């Protein structure tokens, strides 16, 4: 069977077909995905998976994919998967000369900041982030004027310009540890208000917030969670800390994307719902077929800009390279590296030393 594509693609890719050879080459991948993907979709994805996996070897390229990418990307072509912290660490450690970041633009910038000598590509330049766009470098400078001497902790969901104005970065997975590592009575936490309030409940430091929100997570409500409990008895509800406080109060577990995965692995609930971006549940369900995942479908429109055809085009044409001003990159790198030191031992001493530099 040969099924031609109907995508409106660059002429270079219109020849891709679902041949018996492609079917055989991708059968092990589809076997893993058959519970989360209709079989009728596979002939569309499989030719791109084969082409991408061949081309990345030719380019000495590696694909980093965030947990919110769709399963055909996450399980089909990604070499490294995970949350923002995992991707930042792996970007720093990879020997590949080309990094294709399947996520949003701030993640690609972070990879470039940590790997200035590598080519970092993002398949779609418009893959942005509502949270990252909620704050600018000038906003941070004004906050420093208003709160002189107060350290600035910046969530990685920000531009390189904002990171450069910060003392240290954090992710949702390590935010509390980062704040604690500073040993300060007051901390400015940017830009996610809900994550900041969640952190403030777990530290003695007085936290100063910014009213930035994620357009995916802020749409969830406590009533949504109550309806899940009423409809699905004995369900375990896991929520991301970017959700509003009333949502977190209704959840059984609150944690980062990596934290949610660990919780599912440890507890093995019979039925679970992840209050986060929709594709996350699909990707985790692949590894836990015995667990019933109820899927709340709040999609991130920015993450969904990344597709297999765009990844192939990115590798074929080496587009779109991410460029960060060297001065900005150096300052942003220090904030990210300080974050990466947290949890590696002597975090307070390291933070005190570097913040004094």
Protein backbone atom coordinates (compact mmCIF):
# COMPACT_ATOMS: atom_id res chain seq x y z
CA UNK A 1 0.00 0.00 0.00
CA UNK A 2 1.25 3.46 -0.91
CA UNK A 3 -0.50 6.47 0.59
CA UNK A 4 0.60 9.89 -0.73
CA UNK A 5 0.51 12.87 1.57
CA UNK A 6 -2.05 15.62 1.31
CA UNK A 7 -0.22 18.21 3.46
CA UNK A 8 0.50 21.57 1.91
CA UNK A 9 4.26 21.11 2.19
CA UNK A 10 7.38 22.48 0.56
CA UNK A 11 7.96 20.78 -2.77
CA UNK A 12 10.96 18.95 -1.29
CA UNK A 13 8.65 16.75 0.81
CA UNK A 14 5.71 16.02 -1.46
CA UNK A 15 7.27 12.69 -2.53
CA UNK A 16 7.04 11.10 0.92
CA UNK A 17 4.97 7.94 0.85
CA UNK A 18 3.86 5.23 3.24
CA UNK A 19 5.54 2.23 1.66
CA UNK A 20 5.87 -1.33 2.98
CA UNK A 21 9.48 -0.51 3.88
CA UNK A 22 8.37 2.50 5.91
CA UNK A 23 5.68 0.42 7.61
CA UNK A 24 8.23 -2.21 8.64
CA UNK A 25 10.77 0.36 9.82
CA UNK A 26 8.26 2.16 12.03
CA UNK A 27 6.25 -0.85 13.26
CA UNK A 28 8.03 -1.01 16.66
CA UNK A 29 7.23 2.66 17.29
CA UNK A 30 3.58 2.28 16.37
CA UNK A 31 3.28 -0.82 18.55
CA UNK A 32 4.08 1.42 21.52
CA UNK A 33 1.63 4.12 20.40
CA UNK A 34 -1.36 2.09 19.27
CA UNK A 35 -3.24 2.73 22.52
CA UNK A 36 -2.94 6.51 22.17
CA UNK A 37 -3.08 6.96 18.39
CA UNK A 38 -5.67 5.75 15.86
CA UNK A 39 -4.11 3.35 13.36
CA UNK A 40 -5.46 5.41 10.47
CA UNK A 41 -3.13 8.28 11.44
CA UNK A 42 0.08 6.26 11.28
CA UNK A 43 0.52 6.31 7.47
CA UNK A 44 0.61 10.11 7.72
CA UNK A 45 3.33 10.22 10.40
CA UNK A 46 5.51 7.22 9.59
CA UNK A 47 7.26 8.53 6.42
CA UNK A 48 8.34 11.66 8.24
CA UNK A 49 9.65 9.67 11.19
CA UNK A 50 11.84 7.60 8.87
CA UNK A 51 13.15 10.67 7.01
CA UNK A 52 13.82 12.65 10.18
CA UNK A 53 15.65 9.83 11.93
CA UNK A 54 17.86 9.31 8.87
CA UNK A 55 18.58 13.00 8.35
CA UNK A 56 19.46 13.75 11.96
CA UNK A 57 22.20 11.11 11.78
CA UNK A 58 23.58 12.75 8.65
CA UNK A 59 23.51 16.17 10.30
CA UNK A 60 24.99 14.97 13.62
CA UNK A 61 21.81 16.36 15.09
CA UNK A 62 19.85 15.53 18.21
CA UNK A 63 16.16 16.23 18.84
CA UNK A 64 15.04 17.47 22.26
CA UNK A 65 11.30 17.24 22.85
CA UNK A 66 9.28 18.67 25.70
CA UNK A 67 6.62 16.57 27.43
CA UNK A 68 3.90 18.62 25.73
CA UNK A 69 4.85 17.52 22.21
CA UNK A 70 2.51 15.10 20.42
CA UNK A 71 3.26 11.36 20.68
CA UNK A 72 4.53 10.93 17.12
CA UNK A 73 7.23 13.52 17.92
CA UNK A 74 7.83 12.56 21.54
CA UNK A 75 8.13 8.81 20.90
CA UNK A 76 8.90 8.80 17.18
CA UNK A 77 11.87 11.11 16.61
CA UNK A 78 13.00 12.57 19.95
CA UNK A 79 16.40 11.55 21.32
CA UNK A 80 15.93 13.32 24.66
CA UNK A 81 12.59 13.97 26.30
CA UNK A 82 11.50 15.68 29.48
CA UNK A 83 10.56 18.91 31.20
CA UNK A 84 12.39 22.22 30.93
CA UNK A 85 15.03 21.28 33.52
CA UNK A 86 15.83 17.95 31.86
CA UNK A 87 16.11 19.56 28.44
CA UNK A 88 18.36 22.32 29.78
CA UNK A 89 20.71 19.78 31.35
CA UNK A 90 20.82 17.56 28.28
CA UNK A 91 21.38 20.49 25.94
CA UNK A 92 24.44 21.32 28.00
CA UNK A 93 25.79 17.77 27.84
CA UNK A 94 25.14 16.63 24.27
CA UNK A 95 28.01 16.09 21.84
CA UNK A 96 25.81 16.67 18.79
CA UNK A 97 26.62 19.69 16.67
CA UNK A 98 22.97 20.48 15.91
CA UNK A 99 20.13 20.67 18.44
CA UNK A 100 16.55 20.73 17.19
CA UNK A 101 14.39 21.96 20.03
CA UNK A 102 10.83 20.69 19.82
CA UNK A 103 9.19 22.95 22.31
CA UNK A 104 8.77 26.72 22.43
CA UNK A 105 11.15 29.56 21.71
CA UNK A 106 12.41 30.25 25.23
CA UNK A 107 13.51 26.60 25.47
CA UNK A 108 15.49 26.92 22.25
CA UNK A 109 17.05 30.13 23.56
CA UNK A 110 18.05 28.35 26.77
CA UNK A 111 19.69 25.58 24.75
CA UNK A 112 21.61 28.19 22.73
CA UNK A 113 22.67 30.03 25.87
CA UNK A 114 24.12 26.81 27.29
CA UNK A 115 25.57 25.66 23.96
CA UNK A 116 26.87 28.81 22.21
CA UNK A 117 29.08 26.80 19.85
CA UNK A 118 26.28 24.55 18.63
CA UNK A 119 23.60 25.23 16.05
CA UNK A 120 20.20 25.32 17.76
CA UNK A 121 17.15 25.12 15.52
CA UNK A 122 13.48 25.64 16.28
CA UNK A 123 11.09 24.28 13.63
CA UNK A 124 8.67 27.21 13.94
CA UNK A 125 9.72 30.70 14.98
CA UNK A 126 6.17 31.48 16.11
CA UNK A 127 6.21 28.78 18.80
CA UNK A 128 6.09 31.29 21.63
CA UNK A 129 4.74 31.28 25.17
CA UNK A 130 2.07 33.43 26.82
CA UNK A 131 3.97 33.31 30.11
CA UNK A 132 7.30 34.31 28.59
CA UNK A 133 5.68 37.21 26.75
CA UNK A 134 4.16 38.54 29.99
CA UNK A 135 7.43 40.13 31.14
CA UNK A 136 10.36 42.03 29.62
CA UNK A 137 13.91 42.80 30.66
CA UNK A 138 12.85 46.39 31.35
CA UNK A 139 10.19 45.10 33.77
CA UNK A 140 12.90 43.27 35.72
CA UNK A 141 15.11 46.35 35.86
CA UNK A 142 12.20 48.40 37.21
CA UNK A 143 11.51 45.77 39.87
CA UNK A 144 15.15 45.92 40.96
CA UNK A 145 14.83 49.67 41.38
CA UNK A 146 11.68 49.22 43.45
CA UNK A 147 13.17 46.42 45.61
CA UNK A 148 16.89 47.15 45.81
CA UNK A 149 19.05 44.28 46.97
CA UNK A 150 16.28 41.66 46.68
CA UNK A 151 17.40 38.65 44.58
CA UNK A 152 15.44 37.86 41.43
CA UNK A 153 14.43 34.27 40.74
CA UNK A 154 13.18 33.79 37.20
CA UNK A 155 11.24 30.80 35.93
CA UNK A 156 12.86 29.28 32.84
CA UNK A 157 9.68 30.08 30.91
CA UNK A 158 11.19 33.45 29.99
CA UNK A 159 13.26 35.02 27.24
CA UNK A 160 17.05 35.14 27.37
CA UNK A 161 16.78 38.92 27.88
CA UNK A 162 14.79 38.37 31.09
CA UNK A 163 17.09 35.61 32.30
CA UNK A 164 20.03 37.98 31.78
CA UNK A 165 18.49 40.45 34.23
CA UNK A 166 17.98 37.74 36.87
CA UNK A 167 20.15 36.32 39.63
CA UNK A 168 19.11 32.71 39.19
CA UNK A 169 16.60 30.68 37.18
CA UNK A 170 14.31 27.88 38.30
CA UNK A 171 11.85 25.35 36.94
CA UNK A 172 8.64 24.13 38.50
CA UNK A 173 10.58 21.06 39.61
CA UNK A 174 13.26 22.92 41.58
CA UNK A 175 11.66 26.31 42.36
CA UNK A 176 11.46 25.77 46.12
CA UNK A 177 15.05 24.50 46.30
CA UNK A 178 16.26 27.49 44.28
CA UNK A 179 14.50 30.00 46.55
CA UNK A 180 15.81 28.23 49.66
CA UNK A 181 19.35 28.16 48.25
CA UNK A 182 19.51 31.96 48.31
CA UNK A 183 19.13 32.28 52.08
CA UNK A 184 17.28 35.57 51.61
CA UNK A 185 14.36 36.93 53.64
CA UNK A 186 12.76 38.37 50.48
CA UNK A 187 12.75 37.07 46.92
CA UNK A 188 11.30 38.43 43.69
CA UNK A 189 9.75 35.51 41.80
CA UNK A 190 9.02 35.95 38.09
CA UNK A 191 6.84 35.70 36.07
CA UNK A 192 4.32 32.96 37.00
CA UNK A 193 2.11 34.20 39.84
CA UNK A 194 0.53 30.84 40.59
CA UNK A 195 3.83 28.97 40.73
CA UNK A 196 5.19 31.76 42.91
CA UNK A 197 2.28 31.45 45.35
CA UNK A 198 2.80 27.69 45.48
CA UNK A 199 6.47 28.25 46.29
CA UNK A 200 5.62 30.85 48.93
CA UNK A 201 3.63 28.25 50.87
CA UNK A 202 6.76 26.11 51.20
CA UNK A 203 9.37 28.68 52.22
CA UNK A 204 9.80 31.24 54.98
CA UNK A 205 11.01 33.84 52.50
CA UNK A 206 8.63 36.66 51.63
CA UNK A 207 7.90 36.25 47.91
CA UNK A 208 7.17 39.18 45.63
CA UNK A 209 5.04 38.08 42.65
CA UNK A 210 4.49 39.09 39.04
CA UNK A 211 1.03 38.52 37.53
CA UNK A 212 2.08 36.32 34.62
CA UNK A 213 0.04 33.24 33.79
CA UNK A 214 0.17 30.26 31.43
CA UNK A 215 -2.79 30.37 29.07
CA UNK A 216 -3.17 26.58 29.27
CA UNK A 217 -3.03 26.08 33.02
CA UNK A 218 -5.00 29.16 34.04
CA UNK A 219 -8.05 27.79 32.19
CA UNK A 220 -8.50 24.95 34.68
CA UNK A 221 -10.89 25.52 37.59
CA UNK A 222 -11.55 23.82 40.91
CA UNK A 223 -15.00 22.94 39.62
CA UNK A 224 -13.40 21.00 36.76
CA UNK A 225 -11.62 18.83 39.30
CA UNK A 226 -14.77 18.29 41.35
CA UNK A 227 -16.56 17.15 38.22
CA UNK A 228 -13.80 14.64 37.51
CA UNK A 229 -14.19 13.22 41.00
CA UNK A 230 -17.95 12.94 40.60
CA UNK A 231 -17.72 11.28 37.19
CA UNK A 232 -14.75 8.99 37.85
CA UNK A 233 -14.75 7.37 41.31
CA UNK A 234 -11.35 6.88 42.99
CA UNK A 235 -9.55 9.03 40.45
CA UNK A 236 -6.14 10.45 41.35
CA UNK A 237 -5.81 14.12 40.35
CA UNK A 238 -2.34 15.48 39.61
CA UNK A 239 -1.95 19.20 38.96
CA UNK A 240 0.86 21.38 37.66
CA UNK A 241 1.75 24.31 39.96
CA UNK A 242 1.11 26.80 37.14
CA UNK A 243 -2.61 26.18 37.81
CA UNK A 244 -4.64 28.59 39.98
CA UNK A 245 -4.46 28.07 43.78
CA UNK A 246 -8.03 26.74 44.06
CA UNK A 247 -7.15 24.04 41.50
CA UNK A 248 -4.06 23.03 43.46
CA UNK A 249 -6.11 22.84 46.65
CA UNK A 250 -8.44 20.29 45.03
CA UNK A 251 -5.63 18.10 43.68
CA UNK A 252 -4.22 14.95 45.27
CA UNK A 253 -0.71 15.78 44.10
CA UNK A 254 0.94 18.99 42.88
CA UNK A 255 4.19 18.86 40.96
CA UNK A 256 6.16 19.49 37.82
CA UNK A 257 5.73 17.36 34.72
CA UNK A 258 8.63 15.15 35.81
CA UNK A 259 7.16 15.00 39.31
CA UNK A 260 3.82 13.84 37.94
CA UNK A 261 5.52 11.02 36.02
CA UNK A 262 7.41 9.89 39.11
CA UNK A 263 4.19 9.97 41.13
CA UNK A 264 2.38 7.79 38.61
CA UNK A 265 5.31 5.38 38.53
CA UNK A 266 5.47 5.09 42.33
CA UNK A 267 1.76 5.00 43.13
CA UNK A 268 0.41 3.19 40.04
CA UNK A 269 -3.16 4.49 40.48
CA UNK A 270 -5.87 2.66 38.55
CA UNK A 271 -7.24 5.91 37.17
CA UNK A 272 -5.56 9.30 36.91
CA UNK A 273 -6.03 12.74 35.42
CA UNK A 274 -3.15 15.16 34.81
CA UNK A 275 -4.21 18.77 35.07
CA UNK A 276 -1.77 20.12 32.53
CA UNK A 277 -1.25 20.29 28.76
CA UNK A 278 -3.18 17.62 26.88
CA UNK A 279 -0.36 15.73 25.12
CA UNK A 280 1.35 15.04 28.43
CA UNK A 281 -1.23 12.37 29.28
CA UNK A 282 -0.84 10.68 25.90
CA UNK A 283 2.93 10.51 26.26
CA UNK A 284 2.88 9.17 29.81
CA UNK A 285 0.10 6.67 29.05
CA UNK A 286 2.39 4.93 26.54
CA UNK A 287 4.59 3.74 29.41
CA UNK A 288 1.71 2.84 31.73
CA UNK A 289 -0.84 0.92 29.62
CA UNK A 290 -2.42 -0.62 32.72
CA UNK A 291 -3.48 2.80 34.05
CA UNK A 292 -6.59 4.58 32.79
CA UNK A 293 -5.75 8.18 31.88
CA UNK A 294 -8.63 10.63 31.77
CA UNK A 295 -7.52 13.35 29.38
CA UNK A 296 -8.46 16.99 29.94
CA UNK A 297 -7.76 18.51 26.56
CA UNK A 298 -6.31 21.96 27.14
CA UNK A 299 -3.86 22.26 24.26
CA UNK A 300 -0.96 24.69 24.06
CA UNK A 301 -1.32 26.38 20.66
CA UNK A 302 2.38 27.27 20.66
CA UNK A 303 3.63 23.73 21.33
CA UNK A 304 1.32 22.45 18.61
CA UNK A 305 3.07 24.60 16.02
CA UNK A 306 5.84 21.99 16.06
CA UNK A 307 4.99 19.17 13.64
CA UNK A 308 6.87 16.36 11.93
CA UNK A 309 6.87 18.14 8.54
CA UNK A 310 8.30 21.26 10.16
CA UNK A 311 10.98 19.24 11.97
CA UNK A 312 11.99 17.63 8.67
CA UNK A 313 12.07 21.01 6.96
CA UNK A 314 14.13 22.41 9.82
CA UNK A 315 16.76 19.68 9.43
CA UNK A 316 16.72 19.75 5.65
CA UNK A 317 17.17 23.53 5.40
CA UNK A 318 18.90 24.08 8.76
CA UNK A 319 16.16 26.47 9.81
CA UNK A 320 15.37 28.34 12.00
CA UNK A 321 18.66 28.99 13.80
CA UNK A 322 18.30 30.59 17.23
CA UNK A 323 20.52 33.62 17.80
CA UNK A 324 21.14 35.22 21.19
CA UNK A 325 23.26 38.34 21.63
CA UNK A 326 26.58 37.17 23.16
CA UNK A 327 26.45 39.69 26.01
CA UNK A 328 22.88 38.70 26.88
CA UNK A 329 23.76 35.02 26.50
CA UNK A 330 26.67 35.25 28.93
CA UNK A 331 24.55 36.89 31.63
CA UNK A 332 21.64 34.52 31.04
CA UNK A 333 24.01 31.55 31.16
CA UNK A 334 25.16 32.49 34.64
CA UNK A 335 21.55 32.52 35.88
CA UNK A 336 20.84 29.13 34.31
CA UNK A 337 24.09 27.60 35.54
CA UNK A 338 23.34 28.76 39.07
CA UNK A 339 20.03 26.91 38.79
CA UNK A 340 21.75 23.76 37.55
CA UNK A 341 24.04 23.83 40.60
CA UNK A 342 21.08 23.65 42.98
CA UNK A 343 20.76 20.07 44.16
CA UNK A 344 24.35 19.22 43.21
CA UNK A 345 25.58 19.99 46.71
CA UNK A 346 26.77 23.17 48.47
CA UNK A 347 23.96 25.09 46.75
CA UNK A 348 23.84 27.89 49.32
CA UNK A 349 27.59 28.45 49.18
CA UNK A 350 27.54 28.44 45.39
CA UNK A 351 24.60 30.83 45.22
CA UNK A 352 26.20 33.21 47.74
CA UNK A 353 29.47 33.19 45.83
CA UNK A 354 28.02 33.68 42.36
CA UNK A 355 25.48 36.30 43.39
CA UNK A 356 28.37 38.33 44.75
CA UNK A 357 30.23 38.16 41.41
